[in-house]
Amino acid sequence: MSGRRLGWDKPGRGKRVPKQERAERTRTTILDAAAKVFDARGFMGASLSDILAEAGVTKGALYFHFASKEELAHALIDEQFSVWQPSGDDPGLQTVIDLTHSMARNLQENVRVRASIRLVIEQGTFADPSPEPYLQWINVIRAQLDLSQQRGDIRKDVTTIDFATFVVGAFSGLQMSSQVLTDRKDLPERVANMWRYVLPSLVPPRRIGKFTPEGSPRRAQGVTPPKPHRT
């Protein structure tokens, strides 16, 4: 297949890069810049001019990829699901615990995840807010809880959809208060404390020793990323 048919650019002497690859690099640059600006200023406080200045790209390049600031925000909101999807290895309640710890670590280390979480919380200011992020979190957790309940690791009188909704709300509140009080430095310990308090009301006494509130060492490196649900 010829370079002409593919479409090529020449960023430097002796090098030819497909236009599609260059476009993807530009999109990544824009998302990185937008994440920094949204994380620092929020949706209403950020402007496209701020994002353009941070990215060092033209207005035309930004609008080639994103039609509006809100579309750019939605693209970043999808980023959180790269750290919020369980692998197929040993699913169940411990996977839910590990997912919350993975998210806590990423909120400390990953500006795209921090920006996406802030944008989810600020969706009330969007022209087109979506409940999808919350619903996806809840559904992922519920599926893991259902598996644990079938194995007898969760009490039969627990309604898994209610508990999944509680976990999402509790984690959201924990990370917000941790951000204000310690810039999220204590977030992993706050998450571990949450599980220390709730596990006795969730798990039969004979099974509680199976679970680690601090998160499993085997999951310390995170989770398997899924395909984003929105582009």
Protein backbone atom coordinates (compact mmCIF):
# COMPACT_ATOMS: atom_id res chain seq x y z
CA MET A 1 0.00 0.00 0.00
CA SER A 2 1.48 3.37 -0.97
CA GLY A 3 2.17 6.28 1.34
CA ARG A 4 -0.03 8.44 -0.84
CA ARG A 5 -3.06 6.28 -0.29
CA LEU A 6 -2.49 6.15 3.46
CA GLY A 7 -1.78 9.87 3.82
CA TRP A 8 1.57 10.90 5.23
CA ASP A 9 3.12 13.89 6.96
CA LYS A 10 6.78 14.82 7.16
CA PRO A 11 7.48 16.05 10.73
CA GLY A 12 11.24 15.94 10.27
CA ARG A 13 13.95 15.25 7.76
CA GLY A 14 14.03 11.63 6.66
CA LYS A 15 10.85 10.74 8.58
CA ARG A 16 7.34 10.14 7.38
CA VAL A 17 4.45 9.69 9.81
CA PRO A 18 0.92 8.66 8.77
CA LYS A 19 -1.56 11.50 9.19
CA GLN A 20 -3.75 9.23 11.31
CA GLU A 21 -0.90 8.75 13.78
CA ARG A 22 -0.22 12.49 13.87
CA ALA A 23 -3.92 13.16 14.47
CA GLU A 24 -3.96 10.68 17.36
CA ARG A 25 -0.93 12.35 18.91
CA THR A 26 -2.65 15.72 18.65
CA ARG A 27 -5.80 14.32 20.25
CA THR A 28 -3.74 12.90 23.12
CA THR A 29 -1.99 16.24 23.59
CA ILE A 30 -5.35 18.02 23.76
CA LEU A 31 -6.75 15.52 26.28
CA ASP A 32 -3.66 15.80 28.48
CA ALA A 33 -3.89 19.59 28.44
CA ALA A 34 -7.64 19.59 29.08
CA ALA A 35 -7.18 17.22 32.01
CA LYS A 36 -4.70 19.60 33.65
CA VAL A 37 -6.98 22.60 33.15
CA PHE A 38 -10.21 20.84 34.25
CA ASP A 39 -8.46 19.33 37.28
CA ALA A 40 -7.22 22.76 38.36
CA ARG A 41 -10.24 24.92 37.48
CA GLY A 42 -13.27 22.69 36.99
CA PHE A 43 -15.65 22.72 34.03
CA MET A 44 -17.04 26.22 34.49
CA GLY A 45 -13.66 27.76 35.36
CA ALA A 46 -11.87 26.27 32.36
CA SER A 47 -11.97 27.91 28.94
CA LEU A 48 -11.03 26.58 25.54
CA SER A 49 -8.41 29.34 25.38
CA ASP A 50 -6.81 27.93 28.55
CA ILE A 51 -6.79 24.44 27.05
CA LEU A 52 -5.35 25.67 23.75
CA ALA A 53 -2.57 27.51 25.56
CA GLU A 54 -1.73 24.44 27.65
CA ALA A 55 -1.80 22.12 24.62
CA GLY A 56 0.07 24.42 22.26
CA VAL A 57 -2.22 23.56 19.34
CA THR A 58 -4.38 25.65 17.05
CA LYS A 59 -8.09 26.19 17.48
CA GLY A 60 -8.65 24.33 14.23
CA ALA A 61 -6.78 21.30 15.54
CA LEU A 62 -8.92 21.24 18.68
CA TYR A 63 -12.20 21.57 16.78
CA PHE A 64 -11.12 18.82 14.37
CA HIS A 65 -11.29 16.41 17.33
CA PHE A 66 -13.87 17.99 19.65
CA ALA A 67 -16.87 20.10 18.69
CA SER A 68 -17.16 21.83 22.08
CA LYS A 69 -15.77 22.07 25.60
CA GLU A 70 -18.51 19.72 26.76
CA GLU A 71 -17.60 17.08 24.18
CA LEU A 72 -14.01 17.29 25.36
CA ALA A 73 -15.19 16.87 28.95
CA HIS A 74 -17.20 13.77 28.05
CA ALA A 75 -14.12 12.24 26.40
CA LEU A 76 -12.20 12.73 29.64
CA ILE A 77 -15.02 11.31 31.73
CA ASP A 78 -14.50 8.04 29.86
CA GLU A 79 -10.91 7.94 31.14
CA GLN A 80 -11.95 6.79 34.61
CA PHE A 81 -13.22 3.49 33.20
CA SER A 82 -9.68 2.53 32.27
CA VAL A 83 -9.18 1.98 36.01
CA TRP A 84 -12.70 0.89 36.94
CA GLN A 85 -13.11 -2.38 35.07
CA PRO A 86 -12.35 -5.71 36.76
CA SER A 87 -10.24 -8.38 35.17
CA GLY A 88 -11.73 -11.85 34.84
CA ASP A 89 -9.41 -13.24 37.51
CA ASP A 90 -11.21 -14.33 40.72
CA PRO A 91 -14.21 -11.96 40.57
CA GLY A 92 -16.23 -11.08 43.66
CA LEU A 93 -16.19 -8.85 46.73
CA GLN A 94 -12.40 -8.59 46.98
CA THR A 95 -12.37 -7.33 43.39
CA VAL A 96 -14.72 -4.50 44.45
CA ILE A 97 -12.39 -3.63 47.34
CA ASP A 98 -9.42 -3.68 44.97
CA LEU A 99 -11.21 -1.50 42.43
CA THR A 100 -11.81 1.21 45.01
CA HIS A 101 -8.13 1.12 45.98
CA SER A 102 -7.09 1.24 42.33
CA MET A 103 -9.26 4.31 41.84
CA ALA A 104 -7.81 5.90 44.99
CA ARG A 105 -4.25 5.42 43.70
CA ASN A 106 -5.15 6.81 40.30
CA LEU A 107 -6.74 9.87 41.85
CA GLN A 108 -3.38 10.51 43.51
CA GLU A 109 -1.26 9.83 40.42
CA ASN A 110 -3.28 10.25 37.20
CA VAL A 111 -4.41 13.74 36.21
CA ARG A 112 -6.81 12.40 33.58
CA VAL A 113 -8.63 10.33 36.20
CA ARG A 114 -8.72 13.28 38.62
CA ALA A 115 -10.17 15.50 35.92
CA SER A 116 -12.74 12.91 34.89
CA ILE A 117 -13.97 12.43 38.46
CA ARG A 118 -14.25 16.19 38.98
CA LEU A 119 -16.18 16.50 35.73
CA VAL A 120 -18.60 13.73 36.72
CA ILE A 121 -19.33 15.56 39.97
CA GLU A 122 -19.80 18.87 38.11
CA GLN A 123 -22.11 17.47 35.42
CA GLY A 124 -24.97 19.59 36.73
CA THR A 125 -23.34 22.49 34.89
CA PHE A 126 -23.35 20.62 31.55
CA ALA A 127 -25.96 21.31 28.89
CA ASP A 128 -26.29 17.53 28.46
CA PRO A 129 -25.51 15.77 31.78
CA SER A 130 -25.46 11.98 31.73
CA PRO A 131 -26.06 9.47 34.56
CA GLU A 132 -24.00 6.88 32.64
CA PRO A 133 -20.78 7.13 34.71
CA TYR A 134 -22.63 6.51 37.97
CA LEU A 135 -24.70 3.73 36.45
CA GLN A 136 -21.61 2.04 35.04
CA TRP A 137 -19.84 2.16 38.41
CA ILE A 138 -22.93 0.73 40.13
CA ASN A 139 -23.39 -2.03 37.56
CA VAL A 140 -19.75 -3.14 37.72
CA ILE A 141 -19.92 -3.37 41.52
CA ARG A 142 -23.29 -5.10 41.57
CA ALA A 143 -22.12 -7.80 39.16
CA GLN A 144 -19.18 -8.60 41.45
CA LEU A 145 -21.38 -8.59 44.55
CA ASP A 146 -23.89 -10.94 42.92
CA LEU A 147 -21.10 -13.46 42.28
CA SER A 148 -19.95 -13.24 45.89
CA GLN A 149 -23.49 -13.63 47.21
CA GLN A 150 -24.00 -16.77 45.12
CA ARG A 151 -20.86 -18.24 46.74
CA GLY A 152 -22.09 -17.40 50.23
CA ASP A 153 -19.53 -14.64 50.83
CA ILE A 154 -22.24 -12.00 51.22
CA ARG A 155 -25.26 -12.32 53.49
CA LYS A 156 -28.48 -13.40 51.77
CA ASP A 157 -30.46 -10.45 53.17
CA VAL A 158 -28.17 -7.89 51.46
CA THR A 159 -29.68 -6.23 48.38
CA THR A 160 -26.69 -5.96 46.06
CA ILE A 161 -27.98 -3.03 43.98
CA ASP A 162 -28.51 -1.00 47.16
CA PHE A 163 -25.06 -1.81 48.48
CA ALA A 164 -23.43 -1.06 45.11
CA THR A 165 -25.14 2.34 45.10
CA PHE A 166 -23.92 2.93 48.65
CA VAL A 167 -20.30 2.12 47.73
CA VAL A 168 -20.34 4.59 44.84
CA GLY A 169 -21.78 7.33 47.02
CA ALA A 170 -19.46 6.58 49.94
CA PHE A 171 -16.35 6.54 47.76
CA SER A 172 -17.37 9.80 46.08
CA GLY A 173 -17.75 11.48 49.47
CA LEU A 174 -14.49 10.03 50.79
CA GLN A 175 -12.43 11.23 47.87
CA MET A 176 -13.94 14.72 48.01
CA SER A 177 -13.29 15.16 51.73
CA SER A 178 -9.79 13.67 51.35
CA GLN A 179 -9.05 16.16 48.57
CA VAL A 180 -10.05 19.10 50.74
CA LEU A 181 -8.34 17.91 53.93
CA THR A 182 -5.10 16.32 52.69
CA ASP A 183 -4.97 16.73 48.89
CA ARG A 184 -5.91 13.00 48.77
CA LYS A 185 -2.73 11.91 50.59
CA ASP A 186 -4.80 9.87 53.05
CA LEU A 187 -7.31 8.51 50.53
CA PRO A 188 -6.07 4.88 50.49
CA GLU A 189 -6.34 4.70 54.29
CA ARG A 190 -9.81 6.28 54.21
CA VAL A 191 -10.91 3.64 51.69
CA ALA A 192 -9.46 0.86 53.85
CA ASN A 193 -11.32 2.25 56.87
CA MET A 194 -14.57 2.27 54.90
CA TRP A 195 -14.19 -1.45 54.21
CA ARG A 196 -13.19 -2.21 57.81
CA TYR A 197 -16.46 -0.69 58.97
CA VAL A 198 -18.77 -2.18 56.34
CA LEU A 199 -17.42 -5.72 55.94
CA PRO A 200 -18.84 -7.00 59.27
CA SER A 201 -22.35 -5.94 58.21
CA LEU A 202 -21.96 -7.43 54.74
CA VAL A 203 -20.10 -10.73 55.14
CA PRO A 204 -21.03 -13.75 57.31
CA PRO A 205 -18.65 -13.96 60.31
CA ARG A 206 -17.13 -17.27 59.17
CA ARG A 207 -16.13 -15.72 55.81
CA ILE A 208 -14.84 -12.31 56.85
CA GLY A 209 -11.23 -13.49 57.10
CA LYS A 210 -11.21 -14.04 53.32
CA PHE A 211 -11.21 -10.31 52.60
CA THR A 212 -8.49 -7.65 52.87
CA PRO A 213 -9.80 -4.10 53.50
CA GLU A 214 -6.43 -2.64 52.46
CA GLY A 215 -6.67 -4.26 49.01
CA SER A 216 -5.00 -7.39 47.67
CA PRO A 217 -1.25 -7.27 47.01
CA ARG A 218 -1.84 -9.17 43.75
CA ARG A 219 -3.96 -6.27 42.47
CA ALA A 220 -1.47 -3.56 43.43
CA GLN A 221 -0.72 -2.73 39.79
CA GLY A 222 -4.31 -1.97 38.82
CA VAL A 223 -6.88 -3.51 36.51
CA THR A 224 -7.51 -4.44 32.92
CA PRO A 225 -8.66 -1.41 30.89
CA PRO A 226 -11.89 -1.76 28.87
CA LYS A 227 -12.87 -0.06 25.65
CA PRO A 228 -14.40 3.37 26.34
CA HIS A 229 -18.19 3.51 26.16
CA ARG A 230 -18.36 6.94 24.55
CA THR A 231 -16.30 8.79 21.95
